[in-house]
């Protein structure tokens, strides 16, 4: 083997080792990113479920407020009607 062939062989070995090192580093980065994507996806799903639950709770509270508002309106109307029917000076205490 000539000196040039030996130099080329050594250079090829170094390049091959560098390639292998870079390949391993990139593989590690890809795996780390996959793990991050999986965690983020799980967190996103949990947040989506929470938003859905809170939206349902908000709707239920809105319906409850509407019912209470209707009850207050009826009670106000009833009190107004009852006050007109009561003799003066005989109110509730």
N, C-alpha and C. Protein backbone atom coordinates (compact mmCIF):
# COMPACT_ATOMS: atom_id res chain seq x y z
N UNK A 1 0.86 -1.16 0.00
CA UNK A 1 0.00 0.00 0.00
C UNK A 1 0.91 1.23 0.00
N UNK A 2 0.59 2.15 -0.86
CA UNK A 2 1.40 3.35 -0.95
C UNK A 2 1.03 4.31 0.17
N UNK A 3 1.85 5.29 0.37
CA UNK A 3 1.60 6.29 1.41
C UNK A 3 0.30 7.04 1.13
N UNK A 4 0.04 7.33 -0.12
CA UNK A 4 -1.20 8.03 -0.48
C UNK A 4 -2.42 7.17 -0.17
N UNK A 5 -2.36 5.90 -0.46
CA UNK A 5 -3.47 4.99 -0.16
C UNK A 5 -3.70 4.90 1.34
N UNK A 6 -2.62 4.88 2.11
CA UNK A 6 -2.75 4.83 3.56
C UNK A 6 -3.41 6.11 4.09
N UNK A 7 -3.00 7.25 3.54
CA UNK A 7 -3.59 8.54 3.96
C UNK A 7 -5.08 8.57 3.62
N UNK A 8 -5.40 8.10 2.42
CA UNK A 8 -6.81 8.08 2.01
C UNK A 8 -7.62 7.13 2.88
N UNK A 9 -7.04 5.98 3.22
CA UNK A 9 -7.73 5.02 4.08
C UNK A 9 -7.97 5.61 5.46
N UNK A 10 -6.96 6.25 6.02
CA UNK A 10 -7.12 6.89 7.34
C UNK A 10 -8.15 8.01 7.29
N UNK A 11 -8.11 8.81 6.23
CA UNK A 11 -9.09 9.89 6.09
C UNK A 11 -10.50 9.33 5.99
N UNK A 12 -10.66 8.26 5.25
CA UNK A 12 -11.96 7.62 5.10
C UNK A 12 -12.44 7.07 6.44
N UNK A 13 -11.53 6.47 7.23
CA UNK A 13 -11.88 5.96 8.55
C UNK A 13 -12.35 7.10 9.47
N UNK A 14 -11.62 8.24 9.43
CA UNK A 14 -12.00 9.39 10.26
C UNK A 14 -13.37 9.93 9.83
N UNK A 15 -13.57 10.05 8.54
CA UNK A 15 -14.87 10.53 8.05
C UNK A 15 -15.99 9.57 8.43
N UNK A 16 -15.72 8.29 8.34
CA UNK A 16 -16.71 7.29 8.69
C UNK A 16 -17.06 7.39 10.18
N UNK A 17 -16.03 7.57 11.02
CA UNK A 17 -16.26 7.70 12.48
C UNK A 17 -17.04 8.99 12.77
N UNK A 18 -16.68 10.08 12.10
CA UNK A 18 -17.42 11.34 12.28
C UNK A 18 -18.88 11.19 11.85
N UNK A 19 -19.07 10.51 10.72
CA UNK A 19 -20.43 10.29 10.23
C UNK A 19 -21.24 9.49 11.25
N UNK A 20 -20.62 8.44 11.79
CA UNK A 20 -21.30 7.60 12.78
C UNK A 20 -21.65 8.41 14.04
N UNK A 21 -20.72 9.25 14.48
CA UNK A 21 -20.95 10.10 15.65
C UNK A 21 -22.11 11.06 15.40
N UNK A 22 -22.09 11.71 14.24
CA UNK A 22 -23.16 12.65 13.88
C UNK A 22 -24.50 11.93 13.75
N UNK A 23 -24.46 10.75 13.17
CA UNK A 23 -25.69 9.95 13.00
C UNK A 23 -26.29 9.63 14.37
N UNK A 24 -25.45 9.22 15.31
CA UNK A 24 -25.93 8.91 16.66
C UNK A 24 -26.48 10.15 17.35
N UNK A 25 -25.78 11.28 17.18
CA UNK A 25 -26.23 12.54 17.78
C UNK A 25 -27.59 12.94 17.22
N UNK A 26 -27.73 12.85 15.91
CA UNK A 26 -29.01 13.20 15.28
C UNK A 26 -30.11 12.24 15.70
N UNK A 27 -29.78 10.97 15.82
CA UNK A 27 -30.78 9.99 16.27
C UNK A 27 -31.27 10.33 17.68
N UNK A 28 -30.33 10.72 18.54
CA UNK A 28 -30.69 11.13 19.90
C UNK A 28 -31.59 12.35 19.90
N UNK A 29 -31.27 13.32 19.02
CA UNK A 29 -32.10 14.52 18.92
C UNK A 29 -33.51 14.18 18.42
N UNK A 30 -33.57 13.30 17.44
CA UNK A 30 -34.87 12.90 16.89
C UNK A 30 -35.71 12.22 17.97
N UNK A 31 -35.09 11.32 18.74
CA UNK A 31 -35.81 10.63 19.81
C UNK A 31 -36.29 11.62 20.87
N UNK A 32 -35.43 12.58 21.21
CA UNK A 32 -35.82 13.60 22.20
C UNK A 32 -37.01 14.41 21.68
N UNK A 33 -36.98 14.76 20.40
CA UNK A 33 -38.09 15.52 19.81
C UNK A 33 -39.36 14.68 19.77
N UNK A 34 -39.23 13.40 19.47
CA UNK A 34 -40.42 12.53 19.47
C UNK A 34 -41.04 12.48 20.86
N UNK A 35 -40.19 12.34 21.87
CA UNK A 35 -40.70 12.34 23.24
C UNK A 35 -41.38 13.64 23.58
N UNK A 36 -40.79 14.73 23.15
CA UNK A 36 -41.38 16.06 23.40
C UNK A 36 -42.73 16.19 22.69
N UNK A 37 -42.81 15.72 21.46
CA UNK A 37 -44.06 15.78 20.70
C UNK A 37 -45.13 14.94 21.39
N UNK A 38 -44.76 13.76 21.88
CA UNK A 38 -45.72 12.90 22.57
C UNK A 38 -46.23 13.57 23.84
N UNK A 39 -45.31 14.16 24.62
CA UNK A 39 -45.72 14.85 25.85
C UNK A 39 -46.61 16.05 25.53
N UNK A 40 -46.23 16.80 24.50
CA UNK A 40 -47.02 17.97 24.12
C UNK A 40 -48.40 17.55 23.63
N UNK A 41 -48.46 16.46 22.87
CA UNK A 41 -49.75 15.96 22.38
C UNK A 41 -50.65 15.55 23.54
N UNK A 42 -50.06 14.87 24.52
CA UNK A 42 -50.83 14.46 25.70
C UNK A 42 -51.33 15.69 26.47
N UNK A 43 -50.46 16.68 26.61
CA UNK A 43 -50.86 17.91 27.31
C UNK A 43 -51.96 18.63 26.53
N UNK A 44 -51.81 18.69 25.22
CA UNK A 44 -52.84 19.33 24.39
C UNK A 44 -54.19 18.63 24.54
N UNK A 45 -54.16 17.30 24.57
CA UNK A 45 -55.40 16.54 24.72
C UNK A 45 -56.04 16.80 26.08
N UNK A 46 -55.20 16.85 27.11
CA UNK A 46 -55.72 17.14 28.46
C UNK A 46 -56.34 18.53 28.50
N UNK A 47 -55.68 19.49 27.87
CA UNK A 47 -56.22 20.86 27.83
C UNK A 47 -57.51 20.91 27.02
N UNK A 48 -57.57 20.17 25.93
CA UNK A 48 -58.78 20.15 25.12
C UNK A 48 -59.96 19.60 25.93
N UNK A 49 -59.70 18.51 26.67
CA UNK A 49 -60.75 17.94 27.51
C UNK A 49 -61.18 18.92 28.61
N UNK A 50 -60.20 19.63 29.17
CA UNK A 50 -60.53 20.62 30.22
C UNK A 50 -61.37 21.75 29.65
N UNK A 51 -61.00 22.23 28.48
CA UNK A 51 -61.78 23.30 27.83
C UNK A 51 -63.20 22.82 27.56
N UNK A 52 -63.32 21.59 27.09
CA UNK A 52 -64.65 21.03 26.82
C UNK A 52 -65.47 20.95 28.10
N UNK A 53 -64.84 20.46 29.18
CA UNK A 53 -65.54 20.35 30.46
C UNK A 53 -65.95 21.73 30.98
N UNK A 54 -65.03 22.70 30.90
CA UNK A 54 -65.34 24.05 31.36
C UNK A 54 -66.44 24.69 30.51
N UNK A 55 -66.44 24.40 29.23
CA UNK A 55 -67.49 24.92 28.36
C UNK A 55 -68.85 24.35 28.76
N UNK A 56 -68.87 23.05 29.06
CA UNK A 56 -70.11 22.42 29.51
C UNK A 56 -70.57 23.02 30.84
N UNK A 57 -69.62 23.23 31.75
CA UNK A 57 -69.96 23.85 33.04
C UNK A 57 -70.48 25.27 32.82
N UNK A 58 -69.86 25.99 31.91
CA UNK A 58 -70.28 27.35 31.61
C UNK A 58 -71.71 27.36 31.05
N UNK A 59 -72.00 26.42 30.16
CA UNK A 59 -73.35 26.31 29.62
C UNK A 59 -74.36 26.02 30.72
N UNK A 60 -73.99 25.09 31.62
CA UNK A 60 -74.89 24.74 32.72
C UNK A 60 -75.13 25.94 33.62
N UNK A 61 -74.07 26.69 33.91
CA UNK A 61 -74.22 27.89 34.75
C UNK A 61 -75.08 28.93 34.04
N UNK A 62 -74.90 29.05 32.74
CA UNK A 62 -75.73 30.00 31.98
C UNK A 62 -77.20 29.63 32.06
N UNK A 63 -77.50 28.33 31.95
CA UNK A 63 -78.89 27.89 32.06
C UNK A 63 -79.42 28.15 33.47
N UNK A 64 -78.59 27.91 34.48
CA UNK A 64 -79.00 28.15 35.86
C UNK A 64 -79.26 29.63 36.09
N UNK A 65 -78.41 30.48 35.57
CA UNK A 65 -78.61 31.93 35.70
C UNK A 65 -79.91 32.34 35.03
N UNK A 66 -80.17 31.78 33.86
CA UNK A 66 -81.41 32.10 33.14
C UNK A 66 -82.63 31.69 33.96
N UNK A 67 -82.59 30.49 34.55
CA UNK A 67 -83.72 30.03 35.40
C UNK A 67 -83.89 30.95 36.60
N UNK A 68 -82.78 31.30 37.25
CA UNK A 68 -82.86 32.18 38.41
C UNK A 68 -83.39 33.55 38.02
N UNK A 69 -82.96 34.04 36.88
CA UNK A 69 -83.46 35.34 36.40
C UNK A 69 -84.97 35.29 36.17
N UNK A 70 -85.43 34.18 35.59
CA UNK A 70 -86.88 34.02 35.38
C UNK A 70 -87.62 33.96 36.72
N UNK A 71 -87.03 33.26 37.70
CA UNK A 71 -87.66 33.18 39.01
C UNK A 71 -87.71 34.54 39.68
N UNK A 72 -86.65 35.31 39.56
CA UNK A 72 -86.63 36.66 40.13
C UNK A 72 -87.69 37.53 39.46
N UNK A 73 -87.80 37.40 38.15
CA UNK A 73 -88.81 38.18 37.42
C UNK A 73 -90.21 37.82 37.90
N UNK A 74 -90.49 36.50 38.00
CA UNK A 74 -91.81 36.08 38.48
C UNK A 74 -92.06 36.53 39.91
N UNK A 75 -91.03 36.42 40.76
CA UNK A 75 -91.18 36.83 42.15
C UNK A 75 -91.42 38.34 42.23
N UNK A 76 -90.71 39.09 41.43
CA UNK A 76 -90.90 40.54 41.41
C UNK A 76 -92.31 40.88 40.96
N UNK A 77 -92.78 40.21 39.92
CA UNK A 77 -94.14 40.44 39.45
C UNK A 77 -95.16 40.05 40.52
N UNK A 78 -94.92 38.91 41.18
CA UNK A 78 -95.82 38.45 42.22
C UNK A 78 -95.86 39.44 43.38
N UNK A 79 -94.68 39.92 43.80
CA UNK A 79 -94.62 40.88 44.90
C UNK A 79 -95.32 42.17 44.53
N UNK A 80 -95.18 42.58 43.30
CA UNK A 80 -95.87 43.79 42.85
C UNK A 80 -97.37 43.59 42.87
N UNK A 81 -97.85 42.43 42.43
CA UNK A 81 -99.27 42.12 42.42
C UNK A 81 -99.78 41.96 43.83
N UNK A 82 -99.02 41.30 44.69
CA UNK A 82 -99.44 41.07 46.07
C UNK A 82 -99.50 42.38 46.83
N UNK A 83 -98.57 43.29 46.57
CA UNK A 83 -98.56 44.57 47.27
C UNK A 83 -99.81 45.37 46.94
N UNK A 84 -100.26 45.26 45.70
CA UNK A 84 -101.47 46.00 45.31
C UNK A 84 -102.70 45.39 45.96
N UNK A 85 -102.68 44.09 46.21
CA UNK A 85 -103.85 43.42 46.80
C UNK A 85 -103.89 43.55 48.31
N UNK A 86 -102.76 43.82 48.97
CA UNK A 86 -102.73 43.90 50.43
C UNK A 86 -103.32 45.21 50.94
N UNK A 87 -104.00 45.15 52.04
CA UNK A 87 -104.47 46.41 52.65
C UNK A 87 -103.25 47.20 53.14
N UNK A 88 -103.39 48.47 53.11
CA UNK A 88 -102.30 49.36 53.51
C UNK A 88 -101.93 49.12 54.97
N UNK A 89 -100.64 48.99 55.25
CA UNK A 89 -100.18 48.83 56.63
C UNK A 89 -100.15 47.42 57.12
N UNK A 90 -100.47 46.46 56.30
CA UNK A 90 -100.44 45.06 56.73
C UNK A 90 -99.42 44.26 55.91
N UNK A 91 -98.24 44.80 55.77
CA UNK A 91 -97.18 44.14 55.01
C UNK A 91 -96.50 43.06 55.79
N UNK A 92 -95.63 42.34 55.14
CA UNK A 92 -94.86 41.26 55.80
C UNK A 92 -93.72 41.87 56.60
N UNK A 93 -93.41 41.24 57.70
CA UNK A 93 -92.27 41.70 58.50
C UNK A 93 -91.37 40.55 58.80
